[in-house]
Amino acid sequence: MPELYSFPFSAMGTECNLHFYTEGASRADEIADLAIAEVYRIEDRYSRYLPDSLLSEINRVAQAGGGISVDNETGGLLDYAYACHSGLFDISCGILRQAWGDFSSDALPPKEKIDSLLSRVGLDKISWKNPDLKFPVPGMELDFGGIGKEYAADRAAEVCISLGIRHGLVDLGGDIHVIGPHPDMSPWLIGIRHPRNTGSLMGNIELSKGALASSGDYERCMVIGGIRYGHIINPLTGWPIRGLTSVSVVADKCIVAGGICTIAMLKGVESVRWLMELGEPHLWADENDNQGGTLTLL
């Protein structure tokens, strides 16, 4: 009979875990090593914190206003980012960190600073025709933070599946890809974090297959003059979004669920209708502690 094995690890700045059923501890160790190695590989390629990552190389070219040809994997991620763009989901807005820092300040950044950075934000300012990436406007940069962890969750799950795992899940700091239910076909019970009550849950959902991603203003924020400023920034204004405090979405792939979450947060309360029209199972909470969506909480 297969046994449940769990492998906690740290990656991409968060606590992660693999849970899956297989027969034998040595086989479980082998599978976990390969799946975790895939997560680290993606982090090594696309982390903005690592000076020798591929993303850092791209950003050095972007700073100079040059061009670079990318491989198929990176091209696929760029294609996805452009498909999600629609003005709001923008992987070039990370440069606004120069104004907002790590959201630990007790003062708002000067408007002039934000406005000057906005001149270097916008995927429309970048030339992308796979595999050629060109930066006509010097001083820009890309940040895969909005899709990298979700992509890694999907890839780690694919590694497990390729090695025969049929029951388990990958959890990268709340970005989750469910490979399959428990062997008795019962679903996994997954908690949805409450955006305001630290350490508590809005509730649990049951998931047998697919992916769950969540986004909220609770990860990094500062409160000034009684107003909360979260880390999700509108690339059109340079200022943190308002309206919703969290969004959770279930989709076939974690990278898709994550993209929908981010777009919904950026749209604010207008996304309530958009999410319904989109049709993916979801849950939202707003600044007035209202909740809604189509996910059933337990």
Protein backbone atom coordinates (compact mmCIF):
# COMPACT_ATOMS: atom_id res chain seq x y z
CA MET A 1 0.00 0.00 0.00
CA PRO A 2 1.31 3.48 -0.82
CA GLU A 3 2.19 5.73 2.11
CA LEU A 4 1.96 9.49 2.46
CA TYR A 5 5.31 11.28 2.45
CA SER A 6 5.87 14.98 3.09
CA PHE A 7 8.96 17.02 2.23
CA PRO A 8 9.16 20.58 3.60
CA PHE A 9 11.71 22.93 2.01
CA SER A 10 12.33 26.63 1.44
CA ALA A 11 12.42 28.27 -1.98
CA MET A 12 11.54 31.57 -3.62
CA GLY A 13 11.44 33.33 -0.27
CA THR A 14 8.72 31.14 1.22
CA GLU A 15 8.06 27.85 2.99
CA CYS A 16 7.14 25.03 0.63
CA ASN A 17 6.01 21.43 0.88
CA LEU A 18 5.52 18.32 -1.22
CA HIS A 19 2.91 15.78 -0.15
CA PHE A 20 2.47 12.59 -2.15
CA TYR A 21 1.78 8.90 -1.86
CA THR A 22 4.20 6.24 -3.04
CA GLU A 23 5.67 2.94 -1.91
CA GLY A 24 8.99 3.05 -0.08
CA ALA A 25 10.94 5.85 1.57
CA SER A 26 13.87 5.61 -0.85
CA ARG A 27 11.58 6.02 -3.85
CA ALA A 28 9.86 8.95 -2.15
CA ASP A 29 13.22 10.61 -1.49
CA GLU A 30 14.24 10.18 -5.13
CA ILE A 31 11.03 11.74 -6.44
CA ALA A 32 11.13 14.60 -3.96
CA ASP A 33 14.75 15.40 -4.80
CA LEU A 34 13.93 15.71 -8.49
CA ALA A 35 10.77 17.78 -7.95
CA ILE A 36 12.49 20.15 -5.53
CA ALA A 37 15.47 20.44 -7.86
CA GLU A 38 13.08 21.65 -10.56
CA VAL A 39 11.80 24.40 -8.26
CA TYR A 40 15.36 25.48 -7.50
CA ARG A 41 16.23 25.40 -11.22
CA ILE A 42 13.41 27.82 -11.99
CA GLU A 43 14.39 30.05 -9.08
CA ASP A 44 18.00 30.08 -10.30
CA ARG A 45 16.88 31.14 -13.78
CA TYR A 46 14.26 33.76 -12.96
CA SER A 47 15.06 35.26 -9.56
CA ARG A 48 15.74 38.99 -9.62
CA TYR A 49 17.80 38.55 -6.46
CA LEU A 50 20.47 36.36 -8.07
CA PRO A 51 23.02 38.32 -10.13
CA ASP A 52 23.84 35.31 -12.31
CA SER A 53 20.21 34.41 -13.13
CA LEU A 54 18.90 34.64 -16.66
CA LEU A 55 16.48 37.34 -15.55
CA SER A 56 19.35 39.44 -14.19
CA GLU A 57 21.10 39.05 -17.53
CA ILE A 58 17.95 40.21 -19.32
CA ASN A 59 17.67 43.19 -16.98
CA ARG A 60 21.27 44.24 -17.60
CA VAL A 61 20.40 44.33 -21.30
CA ALA A 62 17.21 46.25 -20.48
CA GLN A 63 19.14 48.83 -18.46
CA ALA A 64 21.39 49.46 -21.42
CA GLY A 65 18.52 49.59 -23.90
CA GLY A 66 19.70 46.60 -25.90
CA GLY A 67 18.31 43.29 -27.15
CA ILE A 68 18.64 39.60 -26.33
CA SER A 69 17.39 36.29 -27.76
CA VAL A 70 15.81 33.92 -25.23
CA ASP A 71 15.24 30.16 -25.06
CA ASN A 72 11.92 28.39 -25.53
CA GLU A 73 11.05 28.22 -21.83
CA THR A 74 11.61 31.92 -21.28
CA GLY A 75 9.79 32.69 -24.51
CA GLY A 76 6.78 30.75 -23.26
CA LEU A 77 6.72 32.74 -20.02
CA LEU A 78 6.98 36.01 -21.95
CA ASP A 79 4.18 34.94 -24.29
CA TYR A 80 2.02 34.19 -21.25
CA ALA A 81 2.85 37.54 -19.63
CA TYR A 82 1.89 39.37 -22.81
CA ALA A 83 -1.33 37.33 -23.11
CA CYS A 84 -2.27 38.45 -19.57
CA HIS A 85 -1.20 42.06 -20.10
CA SER A 86 -4.30 44.12 -20.98
CA GLY A 87 -2.65 47.16 -19.38
CA LEU A 88 -2.77 45.92 -15.78
CA PHE A 89 -0.82 42.67 -15.50
CA ASP A 90 2.61 44.04 -16.34
CA ILE A 91 5.91 42.30 -15.60
CA SER A 92 7.79 45.54 -16.26
CA CYS A 93 6.35 47.36 -13.21
CA GLY A 94 8.82 45.88 -10.72
CA ILE A 95 10.98 48.97 -11.19
CA LEU A 96 8.44 50.81 -9.03
CA ARG A 97 10.09 49.11 -6.05
CA GLN A 98 12.62 51.93 -6.28
CA ALA A 99 9.88 54.23 -4.97
CA TRP A 100 8.04 51.91 -2.59
CA GLY A 101 10.90 49.76 -1.28
CA ASP A 102 9.79 46.88 0.92
CA PHE A 103 6.68 48.73 2.22
CA SER A 104 8.21 49.29 5.64
CA SER A 105 8.48 53.07 5.43
CA ASP A 106 6.44 55.48 7.55
CA ALA A 107 6.10 57.95 4.66
CA LEU A 108 4.71 57.82 1.14
CA PRO A 109 7.16 58.16 -1.75
CA PRO A 110 7.21 61.52 -3.57
CA LYS A 111 4.82 61.68 -6.51
CA GLU A 112 7.67 62.97 -8.67
CA LYS A 113 9.65 59.79 -7.99
CA ILE A 114 6.74 57.58 -9.01
CA ASP A 115 6.04 59.62 -12.14
CA SER A 116 9.67 59.42 -13.25
CA LEU A 117 9.65 55.64 -12.89
CA LEU A 118 6.37 55.28 -14.79
CA SER A 119 8.15 56.49 -17.92
CA ARG A 120 10.01 53.16 -17.83
CA VAL A 121 6.98 50.94 -17.16
CA GLY A 122 4.84 49.25 -19.79
CA LEU A 123 5.11 46.16 -21.94
CA ASP A 124 4.07 48.34 -24.86
CA LYS A 125 7.50 50.00 -24.57
CA ILE A 126 9.24 46.64 -25.18
CA SER A 127 9.61 44.84 -28.49
CA TRP A 128 8.88 41.12 -28.14
CA LYS A 129 8.78 38.75 -31.10
CA ASN A 130 9.78 35.28 -30.00
CA PRO A 131 12.70 34.70 -29.48
CA ASP A 132 13.89 38.31 -29.73
CA LEU A 133 13.42 40.69 -26.82
CA LYS A 134 14.39 44.33 -27.33
CA PHE A 135 14.29 47.36 -25.03
CA PRO A 136 14.12 50.59 -27.04
CA VAL A 137 13.67 52.54 -23.77
CA PRO A 138 16.81 52.20 -21.61
CA GLY A 139 16.47 51.69 -17.87
CA MET A 140 13.58 49.21 -17.85
CA GLU A 141 13.50 45.85 -16.09
CA LEU A 142 11.36 42.72 -15.96
CA ASP A 143 10.17 40.86 -12.89
CA PHE A 144 8.74 37.34 -13.08
CA GLY A 145 7.58 37.49 -9.45
CA GLY A 146 3.95 37.36 -10.53
CA ILE A 147 4.29 34.11 -12.46
CA GLY A 148 7.52 32.38 -11.43
CA LYS A 149 6.33 30.62 -8.25
CA GLU A 150 3.13 29.47 -9.90
CA TYR A 151 5.06 28.16 -12.89
CA ALA A 152 7.41 26.31 -10.55
CA ALA A 153 4.46 24.66 -8.76
CA ASP A 154 3.15 23.39 -12.09
CA ARG A 155 6.56 22.13 -13.17
CA ALA A 156 7.22 20.34 -9.87
CA ALA A 157 3.83 18.63 -10.20
CA GLU A 158 4.68 17.60 -13.76
CA VAL A 159 7.94 16.05 -12.52
CA CYS A 160 6.03 14.05 -9.91
CA ILE A 161 3.47 12.88 -12.46
CA SER A 162 6.21 11.83 -14.90
CA LEU A 163 7.65 9.65 -12.12
CA GLY A 164 4.37 7.86 -11.49
CA ILE A 165 2.81 9.94 -8.72
CA ARG A 166 -0.97 10.05 -8.99
CA HIS A 167 -1.95 11.22 -5.50
CA GLY A 168 -0.42 14.32 -3.95
CA LEU A 169 0.10 18.05 -4.13
CA VAL A 170 2.80 20.69 -4.46
CA ASP A 171 2.54 23.70 -2.15
CA LEU A 172 4.84 26.65 -2.81
CA GLY A 173 3.86 29.14 -0.14
CA GLY A 174 0.14 28.83 -0.87
CA ASP A 175 0.45 28.43 -4.63
CA ILE A 176 -0.76 24.87 -4.94
CA HIS A 177 -0.95 22.28 -7.70
CA VAL A 178 -2.96 19.19 -6.77
CA ILE A 179 -1.75 16.12 -8.66
CA GLY A 180 -4.63 13.94 -7.56
CA PRO A 181 -6.79 13.05 -4.54
CA HIS A 182 -5.86 10.75 -1.68
CA PRO A 183 -5.75 7.06 -2.70
CA ASP A 184 -9.27 6.57 -1.31
CA MET A 185 -10.32 9.34 -3.76
CA SER A 186 -11.12 11.80 -0.97
CA PRO A 187 -10.09 15.40 -1.76
CA TRP A 188 -7.36 17.44 -0.10
CA LEU A 189 -8.57 20.01 2.43
CA ILE A 190 -6.84 23.34 1.74
CA GLY A 191 -7.09 26.45 3.90
CA ILE A 192 -7.72 29.94 2.50
CA ARG A 193 -5.91 32.60 4.50
CA HIS A 194 -7.92 35.45 5.99
CA PRO A 195 -6.57 38.75 4.61
CA ARG A 196 -6.96 40.68 7.86
CA ASN A 197 -6.99 38.22 10.78
CA THR A 198 -3.39 37.04 10.99
CA GLY A 199 -3.05 33.32 11.48
CA SER A 200 -6.71 32.58 10.80
CA LEU A 201 -8.56 31.23 7.78
CA MET A 202 -11.54 32.40 5.80
CA GLY A 203 -12.30 28.69 5.53
CA ASN A 204 -11.22 25.52 3.77
CA ILE A 205 -11.92 24.18 0.29
CA GLU A 206 -11.81 20.64 -1.04
CA LEU A 207 -9.69 20.02 -4.12
CA SER A 208 -8.98 16.73 -5.89
CA LYS A 209 -7.18 18.01 -8.97
CA GLY A 210 -6.05 21.28 -10.50
CA ALA A 211 -4.44 24.31 -8.93
CA LEU A 212 -5.18 27.01 -6.40
CA ALA A 213 -3.51 30.42 -6.22
CA SER A 214 -4.22 33.34 -3.92
CA SER A 215 -3.24 36.99 -3.97
CA GLY A 216 -3.78 39.64 -1.33
CA ASP A 217 -2.64 42.95 0.09
CA TYR A 218 -1.47 41.29 3.31
CA GLU A 219 1.93 40.00 2.14
CA ARG A 220 3.73 43.36 2.40
CA CYS A 221 2.01 46.59 3.36
CA MET A 222 2.28 49.80 5.32
CA VAL A 223 -0.37 51.93 7.02
CA ILE A 224 -0.06 55.71 6.79
CA GLY A 225 -2.74 58.15 7.93
CA GLY A 226 -5.05 55.23 8.60
CA ILE A 227 -4.81 54.06 4.97
CA ARG A 228 -3.33 50.67 4.12
CA TYR A 229 -0.91 50.54 1.17
CA GLY A 230 -0.29 46.99 -0.09
CA HIS A 231 2.48 45.67 -2.32
CA ILE A 232 0.34 45.13 -5.44
CA ILE A 233 0.89 48.23 -7.55
CA ASN A 234 -1.19 49.48 -10.46
CA PRO A 235 1.30 49.85 -13.36
CA LEU A 236 -0.78 52.66 -14.86
CA THR A 237 -0.70 54.90 -11.77
CA GLY A 238 2.32 53.66 -9.83
CA TRP A 239 0.21 53.45 -6.66
CA PRO A 240 -1.00 50.42 -4.67
CA ILE A 241 -4.39 49.07 -5.63
CA ARG A 242 -7.50 49.53 -3.48
CA GLY A 243 -10.80 47.68 -3.29
CA LEU A 244 -10.14 43.99 -2.75
CA THR A 245 -8.03 42.51 0.04
CA SER A 246 -7.68 38.98 -1.35
CA VAL A 247 -8.62 36.76 -4.29
CA SER A 248 -8.28 32.97 -4.59
CA VAL A 249 -8.83 31.12 -7.86
CA VAL A 250 -8.94 27.45 -8.88
CA ALA A 251 -7.82 26.56 -12.42
CA ASP A 252 -6.18 23.69 -14.30
CA LYS A 253 -2.72 25.27 -13.92
CA CYS A 254 -1.32 27.30 -11.05
CA ILE A 255 0.20 29.85 -13.43
CA VAL A 256 -3.29 30.50 -14.85
CA ALA A 257 -4.90 30.73 -11.40
CA GLY A 258 -2.16 33.12 -10.29
CA GLY A 259 -2.56 35.35 -13.33
CA ILE A 260 -6.31 35.60 -12.77
CA CYS A 261 -5.76 36.46 -9.08
CA THR A 262 -3.34 39.25 -9.88
CA ILE A 263 -5.53 40.75 -12.59
CA ALA A 264 -8.54 40.60 -10.26
CA MET A 265 -6.66 42.38 -7.48
CA LEU A 266 -5.57 45.07 -9.94
CA LYS A 267 -9.13 45.54 -11.21
CA GLY A 268 -10.39 46.03 -7.64
CA VAL A 269 -14.11 45.79 -7.00
CA GLU A 270 -14.73 45.87 -10.76
CA SER A 271 -13.33 42.35 -10.88
CA VAL A 272 -16.31 40.88 -9.00
CA ARG A 273 -18.34 40.84 -12.22
CA TRP A 274 -15.27 39.96 -14.31
CA LEU A 275 -14.54 36.89 -12.20
CA MET A 276 -18.12 35.69 -12.54
CA GLU A 277 -17.99 36.14 -16.31
CA LEU A 278 -14.66 34.31 -16.47
CA GLY A 279 -16.24 31.27 -14.87
CA GLU A 280 -13.30 29.86 -12.87
CA PRO A 281 -14.09 28.90 -9.25
CA HIS A 282 -13.05 31.81 -7.07
CA LEU A 283 -13.33 33.62 -3.75
CA TRP A 284 -12.83 37.30 -3.00
CA ALA A 285 -12.81 39.60 0.02
CA ASP A 286 -12.98 43.40 0.00
CA GLU A 287 -11.90 46.24 2.29
CA ASN A 288 -15.28 46.20 4.05
CA ASP A 289 -14.82 42.51 4.97
CA ASN A 290 -17.42 41.42 2.43
CA GLN A 291 -16.82 38.05 0.79
CA GLY A 292 -18.13 36.44 -2.35
CA GLY A 293 -17.43 34.09 -5.21
CA THR A 294 -18.23 30.57 -6.29
CA LEU A 295 -15.84 28.52 -4.13
CA THR A 296 -17.58 26.63 -1.33
CA LEU A 297 -15.90 27.19 2.03
CA LEU A 298 -16.05 24.52 4.73
